[in-house]
Amino acid sequence: MSVWMDVESTKFDLVAYKLSFELPLLGMVKDNATVAENKDNLGKILDVYKVRLRELKLGRRQLPLADMHHVPVIQYLIGTISKDAFNSHPRVDYAWPHRNS
């Protein structure tokens, strides 16, 4: 669990929070170049997650504790144009049961 918490804080968060700061919120103007770059980087990180989730073979309603660290920023990002990064990674999308309820 501590390894995946570290991955989340050193890899995922760096990209996810850059995206969340650049995407429209309360009238802020976004930087399209930064958004495009970080959406691509997010996709690469989710590719790794997809492989790891396949190896874990989790049940549909299981959400490991380390994944809970991802929830706040993912909850925000799936409400923005970056949601396609999650939608294009079905195994990652599947791993977030709160999205399908």
N, C-alpha and C. Protein backbone atom coordinates (compact mmCIF):
# COMPACT_ATOMS: atom_id res chain seq x y z
N MET A 1 0.82 -1.17 0.00
CA MET A 1 0.00 0.00 0.00
C MET A 1 0.87 1.25 0.00
N SER A 2 1.94 1.26 0.77
CA SER A 2 2.77 2.46 0.84
C SER A 2 3.45 2.75 -0.49
N VAL A 3 3.75 1.71 -1.26
CA VAL A 3 4.35 1.93 -2.59
C VAL A 3 3.37 2.67 -3.49
N TRP A 4 2.11 2.23 -3.51
CA TRP A 4 1.13 2.88 -4.37
C TRP A 4 0.74 4.27 -3.86
N MET A 5 0.81 4.49 -2.57
CA MET A 5 0.58 5.83 -2.05
C MET A 5 1.72 6.75 -2.50
N ASP A 6 2.94 6.22 -2.53
CA ASP A 6 4.08 6.99 -3.01
C ASP A 6 3.95 7.28 -4.50
N VAL A 7 3.53 6.29 -5.28
CA VAL A 7 3.32 6.48 -6.72
C VAL A 7 2.27 7.57 -6.94
N GLU A 8 1.21 7.50 -6.18
CA GLU A 8 0.16 8.50 -6.31
C GLU A 8 0.69 9.90 -6.03
N SER A 9 1.46 10.05 -4.97
CA SER A 9 1.92 11.39 -4.59
C SER A 9 3.06 11.91 -5.47
N THR A 10 3.88 11.02 -6.02
CA THR A 10 5.03 11.49 -6.81
C THR A 10 4.80 11.45 -8.31
N LYS A 11 3.85 10.69 -8.78
CA LYS A 11 3.58 10.59 -10.23
C LYS A 11 2.20 11.14 -10.58
N PHE A 12 1.17 10.49 -10.05
CA PHE A 12 -0.20 10.85 -10.40
C PHE A 12 -0.55 12.28 -9.99
N ASP A 13 -0.29 12.62 -8.74
CA ASP A 13 -0.67 13.95 -8.25
C ASP A 13 0.01 15.08 -9.01
N LEU A 14 1.26 14.90 -9.39
CA LEU A 14 1.96 15.97 -10.12
C LEU A 14 1.21 16.34 -11.39
N VAL A 15 0.75 15.34 -12.10
CA VAL A 15 0.03 15.57 -13.35
C VAL A 15 -1.42 15.97 -13.08
N ALA A 16 -2.09 15.24 -12.21
CA ALA A 16 -3.51 15.49 -11.96
C ALA A 16 -3.75 16.89 -11.40
N TYR A 17 -2.91 17.33 -10.51
CA TYR A 17 -3.12 18.66 -9.94
C TYR A 17 -2.76 19.77 -10.92
N LYS A 18 -1.78 19.53 -11.80
CA LYS A 18 -1.51 20.51 -12.85
C LYS A 18 -2.75 20.66 -13.73
N LEU A 19 -3.37 19.54 -14.07
CA LEU A 19 -4.60 19.59 -14.86
C LEU A 19 -5.71 20.32 -14.11
N SER A 20 -5.89 19.97 -12.86
CA SER A 20 -6.99 20.58 -12.11
C SER A 20 -6.81 22.09 -11.96
N PHE A 21 -5.57 22.56 -11.91
CA PHE A 21 -5.34 24.01 -11.81
C PHE A 21 -5.55 24.73 -13.13
N GLU A 22 -5.37 24.03 -14.25
CA GLU A 22 -5.48 24.66 -15.57
C GLU A 22 -6.87 24.59 -16.17
N LEU A 23 -7.68 23.66 -15.71
CA LEU A 23 -9.02 23.50 -16.27
C LEU A 23 -9.95 24.55 -15.69
N PRO A 24 -10.94 24.95 -16.46
CA PRO A 24 -11.83 26.04 -16.03
C PRO A 24 -12.47 25.78 -14.67
N LEU A 25 -12.33 26.75 -13.81
CA LEU A 25 -12.94 26.69 -12.50
C LEU A 25 -13.15 28.12 -12.04
N LEU A 26 -14.36 28.46 -11.77
CA LEU A 26 -14.70 29.80 -11.30
C LEU A 26 -14.20 30.89 -12.25
N GLY A 27 -14.28 30.63 -13.56
CA GLY A 27 -13.94 31.63 -14.55
C GLY A 27 -12.46 31.78 -14.87
N MET A 28 -11.60 30.95 -14.29
CA MET A 28 -10.18 31.04 -14.60
C MET A 28 -9.93 30.61 -16.04
N VAL A 29 -8.95 31.23 -16.69
CA VAL A 29 -8.58 30.90 -18.05
C VAL A 29 -7.57 29.75 -18.01
N LYS A 30 -7.77 28.77 -18.86
CA LYS A 30 -6.86 27.63 -18.89
C LYS A 30 -5.73 27.85 -19.89
N ASP A 31 -4.65 27.17 -19.68
CA ASP A 31 -3.52 27.15 -20.59
C ASP A 31 -3.64 25.86 -21.41
N ASN A 32 -4.07 25.99 -22.66
CA ASN A 32 -4.33 24.81 -23.49
C ASN A 32 -3.10 23.93 -23.68
N ALA A 33 -1.93 24.51 -23.80
CA ALA A 33 -0.71 23.71 -23.99
C ALA A 33 -0.42 22.87 -22.75
N THR A 34 -0.59 23.46 -21.58
CA THR A 34 -0.36 22.72 -20.34
C THR A 34 -1.39 21.62 -20.17
N VAL A 35 -2.64 21.91 -20.51
CA VAL A 35 -3.70 20.90 -20.41
C VAL A 35 -3.39 19.73 -21.36
N ALA A 36 -3.04 20.02 -22.60
CA ALA A 36 -2.75 18.96 -23.58
C ALA A 36 -1.58 18.10 -23.11
N GLU A 37 -0.52 18.73 -22.64
CA GLU A 37 0.65 18.00 -22.17
C GLU A 37 0.31 17.10 -20.99
N ASN A 38 -0.43 17.64 -20.05
CA ASN A 38 -0.74 16.86 -18.85
C ASN A 38 -1.82 15.83 -19.07
N LYS A 39 -2.74 16.04 -20.01
CA LYS A 39 -3.70 14.98 -20.36
C LYS A 39 -2.95 13.80 -20.95
N ASP A 40 -1.95 14.07 -21.78
CA ASP A 40 -1.12 13.01 -22.35
C ASP A 40 -0.36 12.28 -21.24
N ASN A 41 0.23 13.03 -20.32
CA ASN A 41 0.95 12.42 -19.21
C ASN A 41 0.03 11.61 -18.31
N LEU A 42 -1.18 12.11 -18.08
CA LEU A 42 -2.15 11.37 -17.28
C LEU A 42 -2.49 10.05 -17.96
N GLY A 43 -2.66 10.07 -19.27
CA GLY A 43 -2.93 8.84 -20.00
C GLY A 43 -1.82 7.81 -19.83
N LYS A 44 -0.58 8.27 -19.84
CA LYS A 44 0.56 7.36 -19.65
C LYS A 44 0.55 6.75 -18.25
N ILE A 45 0.24 7.55 -17.27
CA ILE A 45 0.16 7.05 -15.89
C ILE A 45 -0.99 6.05 -15.76
N LEU A 46 -2.12 6.36 -16.37
CA LEU A 46 -3.27 5.45 -16.31
C LEU A 46 -3.00 4.15 -17.06
N ASP A 47 -2.13 4.19 -18.08
CA ASP A 47 -1.71 2.95 -18.75
C ASP A 47 -1.02 2.02 -17.76
N VAL A 48 -0.17 2.57 -16.92
CA VAL A 48 0.52 1.78 -15.90
C VAL A 48 -0.49 1.26 -14.89
N TYR A 49 -1.40 2.11 -14.46
CA TYR A 49 -2.43 1.69 -13.51
C TYR A 49 -3.27 0.55 -14.09
N LYS A 50 -3.60 0.66 -15.37
CA LYS A 50 -4.43 -0.37 -16.02
C LYS A 50 -3.76 -1.73 -15.92
N VAL A 51 -2.47 -1.77 -16.19
CA VAL A 51 -1.73 -3.04 -16.11
C VAL A 51 -1.72 -3.55 -14.67
N ARG A 52 -1.47 -2.67 -13.75
CA ARG A 52 -1.42 -3.07 -12.35
C ARG A 52 -2.78 -3.57 -11.86
N LEU A 53 -3.84 -2.89 -12.25
CA LEU A 53 -5.17 -3.33 -11.84
C LEU A 53 -5.53 -4.68 -12.44
N ARG A 54 -5.08 -4.93 -13.66
CA ARG A 54 -5.32 -6.23 -14.28
C ARG A 54 -4.63 -7.32 -13.47
N GLU A 55 -3.42 -7.03 -13.00
CA GLU A 55 -2.68 -8.01 -12.20
C GLU A 55 -3.36 -8.28 -10.86
N LEU A 56 -3.97 -7.25 -10.28
CA LEU A 56 -4.61 -7.40 -8.97
C LEU A 56 -5.93 -8.15 -9.04
N LYS A 57 -6.63 -8.07 -10.17
CA LYS A 57 -7.91 -8.73 -10.37
C LYS A 57 -8.88 -8.43 -9.23
N LEU A 58 -9.08 -7.15 -8.99
CA LEU A 58 -9.99 -6.73 -7.93
C LEU A 58 -11.44 -6.95 -8.33
N GLY A 59 -12.25 -7.16 -7.35
CA GLY A 59 -13.69 -7.25 -7.59
C GLY A 59 -14.25 -5.87 -7.89
N ARG A 60 -15.40 -5.82 -8.48
CA ARG A 60 -16.01 -4.56 -8.91
C ARG A 60 -16.19 -3.55 -7.78
N ARG A 61 -16.52 -3.97 -6.61
CA ARG A 61 -16.80 -3.04 -5.51
C ARG A 61 -15.64 -2.91 -4.52
N GLN A 62 -14.48 -3.40 -4.86
CA GLN A 62 -13.35 -3.26 -3.96
C GLN A 62 -12.59 -1.99 -4.30
N LEU A 63 -12.20 -1.27 -3.28
CA LEU A 63 -11.44 -0.04 -3.45
C LEU A 63 -10.35 -0.04 -2.39
N PRO A 64 -9.13 -0.42 -2.77
CA PRO A 64 -8.04 -0.48 -1.79
C PRO A 64 -7.78 0.89 -1.14
N LEU A 65 -7.30 0.86 0.07
CA LEU A 65 -7.05 2.09 0.82
C LEU A 65 -6.15 3.06 0.07
N ALA A 66 -5.12 2.56 -0.58
CA ALA A 66 -4.21 3.45 -1.33
C ALA A 66 -4.95 4.21 -2.42
N ASP A 67 -5.98 3.59 -3.01
CA ASP A 67 -6.75 4.26 -4.06
C ASP A 67 -7.56 5.44 -3.52
N MET A 68 -7.88 5.40 -2.26
CA MET A 68 -8.66 6.49 -1.67
C MET A 68 -7.93 7.83 -1.77
N HIS A 69 -6.62 7.79 -1.85
CA HIS A 69 -5.84 9.02 -2.00
C HIS A 69 -6.10 9.67 -3.36
N HIS A 70 -6.52 8.90 -4.33
CA HIS A 70 -6.79 9.41 -5.67
C HIS A 70 -8.17 10.06 -5.80
N VAL A 71 -9.08 9.69 -4.95
CA VAL A 71 -10.48 10.06 -5.11
C VAL A 71 -10.73 11.56 -5.24
N PRO A 72 -10.19 12.42 -4.39
CA PRO A 72 -10.55 13.84 -4.50
C PRO A 72 -10.23 14.45 -5.86
N VAL A 73 -9.04 14.25 -6.36
CA VAL A 73 -8.69 14.89 -7.63
C VAL A 73 -9.37 14.20 -8.81
N ILE A 74 -9.56 12.89 -8.73
CA ILE A 74 -10.27 12.19 -9.81
C ILE A 74 -11.72 12.66 -9.85
N GLN A 75 -12.33 12.81 -8.69
CA GLN A 75 -13.71 13.28 -8.64
C GLN A 75 -13.83 14.63 -9.34
N TYR A 76 -12.84 15.48 -9.16
CA TYR A 76 -12.85 16.78 -9.85
C TYR A 76 -12.62 16.59 -11.34
N LEU A 77 -11.59 15.82 -11.71
CA LEU A 77 -11.21 15.70 -13.12
C LEU A 77 -12.27 15.04 -13.99
N ILE A 78 -13.04 14.10 -13.44
CA ILE A 78 -14.06 13.46 -14.27
C ILE A 78 -15.22 14.41 -14.58
N GLY A 79 -15.22 15.55 -13.95
CA GLY A 79 -16.21 16.57 -14.27
C GLY A 79 -15.68 17.60 -15.26
N THR A 80 -14.51 17.36 -15.82
CA THR A 80 -13.89 18.30 -16.75
C THR A 80 -13.62 17.60 -18.08
N ILE A 81 -12.99 18.32 -18.99
CA ILE A 81 -12.65 17.73 -20.29
C ILE A 81 -11.62 16.61 -20.18
N SER A 82 -10.99 16.47 -19.05
CA SER A 82 -10.01 15.39 -18.88
C SER A 82 -10.67 14.04 -18.59
N LYS A 83 -12.00 14.01 -18.48
CA LYS A 83 -12.69 12.74 -18.19
C LYS A 83 -12.41 11.69 -19.26
N ASP A 84 -12.13 12.12 -20.49
CA ASP A 84 -11.85 11.14 -21.54
C ASP A 84 -10.58 10.34 -21.26
N ALA A 85 -9.66 10.88 -20.48
CA ALA A 85 -8.47 10.10 -20.09
C ALA A 85 -8.88 8.89 -19.27
N PHE A 86 -9.88 9.06 -18.42
CA PHE A 86 -10.36 7.94 -17.61
C PHE A 86 -11.26 7.03 -18.43
N ASN A 87 -12.11 7.61 -19.27
CA ASN A 87 -13.01 6.82 -20.09
C ASN A 87 -12.25 5.95 -21.09
N SER A 88 -11.08 6.40 -21.52
CA SER A 88 -10.30 5.63 -22.48
C SER A 88 -9.47 4.55 -21.81
N HIS A 89 -9.57 4.41 -20.52
CA HIS A 89 -8.88 3.37 -19.77
C HIS A 89 -9.93 2.58 -19.00
N PRO A 90 -10.64 1.68 -19.69
CA PRO A 90 -11.78 0.99 -19.07
C PRO A 90 -11.45 0.27 -17.77
N ARG A 91 -10.29 -0.32 -17.67
CA ARG A 91 -9.96 -1.05 -16.44
C ARG A 91 -9.79 -0.07 -15.27
N VAL A 92 -9.23 1.09 -15.54
CA VAL A 92 -9.09 2.11 -14.51
C VAL A 92 -10.45 2.67 -14.17
N ASP A 93 -11.26 2.94 -15.19
CA ASP A 93 -12.61 3.42 -14.99
C ASP A 93 -13.42 2.42 -14.16
N TYR A 94 -13.28 1.16 -14.47
CA TYR A 94 -13.97 0.08 -13.78
C TYR A 94 -13.57 0.01 -12.31
N ALA A 95 -12.34 0.42 -12.01
CA ALA A 95 -11.83 0.32 -10.65
C ALA A 95 -12.42 1.38 -9.73
N TRP A 96 -13.16 2.32 -10.27
CA TRP A 96 -13.73 3.39 -9.46
C TRP A 96 -15.24 3.19 -9.37
N PRO A 97 -15.70 2.34 -8.45
CA PRO A 97 -17.12 2.00 -8.38
C PRO A 97 -18.04 3.20 -8.15
N HIS A 98 -17.56 4.27 -7.52
CA HIS A 98 -18.43 5.41 -7.26
C HIS A 98 -18.85 6.09 -8.55
N ARG A 99 -18.13 5.85 -9.64
CA ARG A 99 -18.47 6.46 -10.92
C ARG A 99 -19.67 5.78 -11.56
N ASN A 100 -19.90 4.52 -11.25
CA ASN A 100 -20.94 3.76 -11.90
C ASN A 100 -22.19 3.60 -11.04
N SER A 101 -22.20 4.21 -9.89
CA SER A 101 -23.36 4.01 -9.01
C SER A 101 -24.37 5.12 -9.18
